[in-house]
Amino acid sequence: MKINQIIWIQIASLDEEENKKQYKSRIADMNETSFAIEIPLDPSSGKLKRLDPRDQLSVSFVTEDGVKQFFETEMLERGKDGIHLYYLRRPEPDAITRIQRRSFLRVPARLEIACRLGSNLSFIALTEDVGGGGVSIICDDHLPIKNNDILSCWLLLPFRNGQIEHVPFHAEVMRTKRLEGRDKQQLMMRFANIANAEQQKVIRYCFERQLENRKL
């Protein structure tokens, strides 16, 4: 990447149409930990796109030798002193790749999650993995849960800065799998209803876990 380089941005969103959109921008400044971009533009409508802190972004650009590169980042803050810029986290060199991620990032994670089905069944479980589009959990196999059930969930997310967030959402059970010899079952679930701000917390957690895994 370099100053004045044109980049294309996709914003992680539960809205499928928004998730597919590509916004055009330009790198205005860079330092060791972040880089500043002009406010992204929607080429199809000519409208500027507002970004919010902690928005998770997929960025692409073309190198001088014509190779398209991709990386993921997040919006850190808006420019100060009336300057219309957004500051994004600068990726590590080995995080820039020729491969585009076409779905939400998903990471293995053992997190506590509280679930409720209807008005009578409540239980505590652990996640197997977490992603911006849903979660997979491990729970007791005697629980009467089947495909297409909608669970009310509260997920506990611990962040690197010590902050702990409780994320509420509704999830649809897409598939169940009995785990032999463990008296447990795995539920693969997708978000059926989650506020955008809460989804961004999940995506932010996934990015943090991915960065931690790279350092191991």
Protein backbone atom coordinates (compact mmCIF):
# COMPACT_ATOMS: atom_id res chain seq x y z
CA MET A 1 0.00 0.00 0.00
CA LYS A 2 1.06 3.58 -0.55
CA ILE A 3 -0.32 7.11 -0.28
CA ASN A 4 -2.74 8.09 -3.10
CA GLN A 5 -3.47 4.44 -3.85
CA ILE A 6 -7.05 3.62 -4.81
CA ILE A 7 -8.67 0.96 -2.62
CA TRP A 8 -12.02 -0.84 -2.61
CA ILE A 9 -13.88 -1.52 0.62
CA GLN A 10 -16.57 -4.00 1.67
CA ILE A 11 -18.27 -3.63 5.06
CA ALA A 12 -19.17 -6.70 7.12
CA SER A 13 -22.91 -6.54 7.63
CA LEU A 14 -25.84 -8.83 8.33
CA ASP A 15 -27.59 -7.14 5.39
CA GLU A 16 -26.63 -9.31 2.40
CA GLU A 17 -26.99 -6.45 -0.09
CA GLU A 18 -24.79 -4.16 2.00
CA ASN A 19 -22.28 -6.97 2.49
CA LYS A 20 -21.87 -7.28 -1.31
CA LYS A 21 -21.38 -3.56 -1.99
CA GLN A 22 -17.94 -2.20 -2.85
CA TYR A 23 -16.99 1.37 -1.98
CA LYS A 24 -14.13 3.29 -3.57
CA SER A 25 -11.64 5.32 -1.57
CA ARG A 26 -8.05 6.61 -1.60
CA ILE A 27 -5.25 6.34 0.94
CA ALA A 28 -4.45 9.83 2.22
CA ASP A 29 -1.85 9.15 4.90
CA MET A 30 -0.04 6.28 6.63
CA ASN A 31 1.91 5.58 9.80
CA GLU A 32 3.22 2.45 11.51
CA THR A 33 -0.08 1.37 13.05
CA SER A 34 -2.85 2.93 10.93
CA PHE A 35 -3.66 4.52 7.60
CA ALA A 36 -6.09 7.27 6.69
CA ILE A 37 -8.57 7.08 3.83
CA GLU A 38 -10.96 9.52 2.23
CA ILE A 39 -14.65 8.97 2.93
CA PRO A 40 -15.66 5.94 0.80
CA LEU A 41 -17.85 6.53 -2.24
CA ASP A 42 -20.55 4.28 -3.68
CA PRO A 43 -19.75 4.41 -7.44
CA SER A 44 -23.26 3.32 -8.43
CA SER A 45 -25.07 6.12 -6.56
CA GLY A 46 -22.34 8.73 -6.07
CA LYS A 47 -23.17 8.84 -2.36
CA LEU A 48 -20.55 8.94 0.39
CA LYS A 49 -20.55 6.07 2.91
CA ARG A 50 -20.27 6.80 6.61
CA LEU A 51 -18.09 4.44 8.65
CA ASP A 52 -18.30 3.96 12.41
CA PRO A 53 -15.54 2.98 14.84
CA ARG A 54 -15.07 -0.81 15.03
CA ASP A 55 -16.71 -1.42 11.65
CA GLN A 56 -15.05 -4.52 10.19
CA LEU A 57 -13.84 -4.07 6.63
CA SER A 58 -12.45 -6.10 3.76
CA VAL A 59 -10.07 -4.02 1.61
CA SER A 60 -8.62 -4.73 -1.81
CA PHE A 61 -6.12 -2.91 -4.01
CA VAL A 62 -4.06 -3.61 -7.12
CA THR A 63 -0.26 -3.57 -6.99
CA GLU A 64 1.94 -1.95 -9.64
CA ASP A 65 2.46 -5.33 -11.31
CA GLY A 66 -1.31 -5.85 -11.60
CA VAL A 67 -1.86 -8.28 -8.72
CA LYS A 68 -5.04 -7.80 -6.67
CA GLN A 69 -4.43 -8.01 -2.92
CA PHE A 70 -6.87 -8.36 -0.02
CA PHE A 71 -6.77 -7.79 3.71
CA GLU A 72 -9.18 -7.26 6.60
CA THR A 73 -9.14 -4.36 9.01
CA GLU A 74 -11.36 -2.18 11.17
CA MET A 75 -12.22 1.50 11.38
CA LEU A 76 -10.45 3.11 14.35
CA GLU A 77 -11.54 6.75 14.40
CA ARG A 78 -12.56 9.73 12.33
CA GLY A 79 -10.14 12.48 11.38
CA LYS A 80 -9.89 15.38 13.79
CA ASP A 81 -9.88 19.15 13.17
CA GLY A 82 -12.61 18.92 10.54
CA ILE A 83 -10.56 16.71 8.21
CA HIS A 84 -12.87 14.27 6.42
CA LEU A 85 -10.76 11.14 6.81
CA TYR A 86 -11.20 7.72 8.40
CA TYR A 87 -8.31 5.98 10.16
CA LEU A 88 -8.11 2.20 9.73
CA ARG A 89 -5.90 -0.35 11.46
CA ARG A 90 -2.86 -1.09 9.30
CA PRO A 91 -2.51 -4.82 8.54
CA GLU A 92 0.59 -6.86 9.23
CA PRO A 93 2.46 -7.64 5.98
CA ASP A 94 1.66 -11.36 6.22
CA ALA A 95 -2.07 -10.55 6.61
CA ILE A 96 -2.23 -9.21 3.04
CA THR A 97 -3.15 -12.01 0.67
CA ARG A 98 -4.24 -12.73 -2.90
CA ILE A 99 -7.22 -14.69 -1.56
CA GLN A 100 -10.50 -12.91 -0.87
CA ARG A 101 -12.58 -14.09 2.06
CA ARG A 102 -16.12 -14.42 0.69
CA SER A 103 -17.90 -15.14 3.95
CA PHE A 104 -17.80 -13.95 7.53
CA LEU A 105 -14.66 -14.79 9.44
CA ARG A 106 -15.22 -17.75 11.79
CA VAL A 107 -12.86 -18.67 14.63
CA PRO A 108 -12.74 -21.55 17.15
CA ALA A 109 -13.66 -20.27 20.61
CA ARG A 110 -14.91 -21.73 23.90
CA LEU A 111 -17.26 -19.06 25.18
CA GLU A 112 -20.16 -19.25 27.61
CA ILE A 113 -23.57 -18.80 26.03
CA ALA A 114 -27.02 -18.78 27.64
CA CYS A 115 -29.89 -20.08 25.48
CA ARG A 116 -33.66 -20.22 25.79
CA LEU A 117 -36.18 -22.10 23.67
CA GLY A 118 -39.74 -20.95 24.19
CA SER A 119 -40.79 -20.14 27.75
CA ASN A 120 -39.85 -23.40 29.51
CA LEU A 121 -36.40 -24.50 28.31
CA SER A 122 -33.25 -22.60 29.32
CA PHE A 123 -29.68 -23.89 29.40
CA ILE A 124 -26.02 -22.85 29.49
CA ALA A 125 -23.62 -24.11 26.80
CA LEU A 126 -20.18 -23.48 25.33
CA THR A 127 -19.48 -22.31 21.80
CA GLU A 128 -17.40 -24.45 19.46
CA ASP A 129 -16.79 -21.59 17.05
CA VAL A 130 -18.01 -18.03 16.55
CA GLY A 131 -18.46 -15.95 13.42
CA GLY A 132 -20.14 -12.86 12.08
CA GLY A 133 -22.92 -14.97 10.61
CA GLY A 134 -23.61 -17.32 13.51
CA VAL A 135 -22.23 -19.68 16.15
CA SER A 136 -21.82 -23.38 16.78
CA ILE A 137 -22.42 -24.61 20.33
CA ILE A 138 -22.04 -27.80 22.36
CA CYS A 139 -24.89 -28.71 24.73
CA ASP A 140 -26.42 -31.78 26.43
CA ASP A 141 -27.83 -34.27 23.94
CA HIS A 142 -31.07 -34.80 25.89
CA LEU A 143 -32.26 -31.27 25.10
CA PRO A 144 -35.23 -31.45 22.66
CA ILE A 145 -33.83 -29.12 20.00
CA LYS A 146 -34.39 -29.66 16.29
CA ASN A 147 -33.60 -27.97 12.98
CA ASN A 148 -35.29 -24.59 12.38
CA ASP A 149 -35.85 -23.95 16.10
CA ILE A 150 -35.23 -20.32 17.08
CA LEU A 151 -33.20 -19.80 20.27
CA SER A 152 -32.87 -16.61 22.27
CA CYS A 153 -29.17 -16.32 23.17
CA TRP A 154 -26.80 -14.22 25.25
CA LEU A 155 -23.13 -14.62 24.36
CA LEU A 156 -20.28 -13.56 26.67
CA LEU A 157 -17.42 -11.92 24.73
CA PRO A 158 -14.09 -11.13 26.50
CA PHE A 159 -11.90 -8.63 24.63
CA ARG A 160 -8.14 -8.07 24.81
CA ASN A 161 -8.54 -4.76 26.66
CA GLY A 162 -10.34 -6.52 29.52
CA GLN A 163 -13.77 -5.38 28.40
CA ILE A 164 -16.56 -7.98 28.60
CA GLU A 165 -19.66 -7.69 26.44
CA HIS A 166 -22.96 -9.58 26.65
CA VAL A 167 -24.35 -9.93 23.13
CA PRO A 168 -28.06 -10.80 22.75
CA PHE A 169 -29.47 -12.29 19.55
CA HIS A 170 -31.90 -14.84 18.12
CA ALA A 171 -30.39 -17.77 16.25
CA GLU A 172 -31.91 -20.42 13.99
CA VAL A 173 -30.71 -24.00 14.35
CA MET A 174 -29.49 -25.08 10.92
CA ARG A 175 -28.13 -28.52 11.82
CA THR A 176 -27.73 -30.78 14.86
CA LYS A 177 -25.05 -33.42 15.33
CA ARG A 178 -24.78 -36.03 18.09
CA LEU A 179 -21.28 -36.36 19.53
CA GLU A 180 -20.56 -40.01 20.18
CA GLY A 181 -19.35 -40.99 23.64
CA ARG A 182 -19.87 -37.53 25.12
CA ASP A 183 -23.63 -37.31 25.85
CA LYS A 184 -23.43 -34.03 23.95
CA GLN A 185 -24.75 -32.58 20.73
CA GLN A 186 -23.48 -29.81 18.47
CA LEU A 187 -25.88 -27.15 17.20
CA MET A 188 -24.88 -25.18 14.11
CA MET A 189 -26.81 -21.91 14.20
CA ARG A 190 -27.07 -18.77 12.11
CA PHE A 191 -28.11 -15.34 13.33
CA ALA A 192 -31.81 -14.89 12.66
CA ASN A 193 -32.09 -11.51 14.39
CA ILE A 194 -29.19 -9.49 15.78
CA ALA A 195 -28.70 -5.74 16.08
CA ASN A 196 -25.96 -4.40 13.83
CA ALA A 197 -24.03 -2.98 16.81
CA GLU A 198 -24.10 -6.39 18.53
CA GLN A 199 -23.01 -8.19 15.36
CA GLN A 200 -20.07 -5.82 15.02
CA LYS A 201 -18.96 -6.84 18.53
CA VAL A 202 -18.93 -10.49 17.43
CA ILE A 203 -16.95 -9.67 14.28
CA ARG A 204 -14.51 -7.54 16.29
CA TYR A 205 -13.96 -10.47 18.68
CA CYS A 206 -13.26 -12.77 15.72
CA PHE A 207 -10.65 -10.37 14.35
CA GLU A 208 -8.94 -10.18 17.74
CA ARG A 209 -8.84 -13.98 18.01
CA GLN A 210 -7.45 -14.27 14.49
CA LEU A 211 -4.65 -11.83 15.32
CA GLU A 212 -3.87 -13.74 18.55
CA ASN A 213 -3.74 -17.04 16.66
CA ARG A 214 -1.25 -15.60 14.15
CA LYS A 215 1.10 -14.65 16.99
CA LEU A 216 1.16 -18.20 18.42
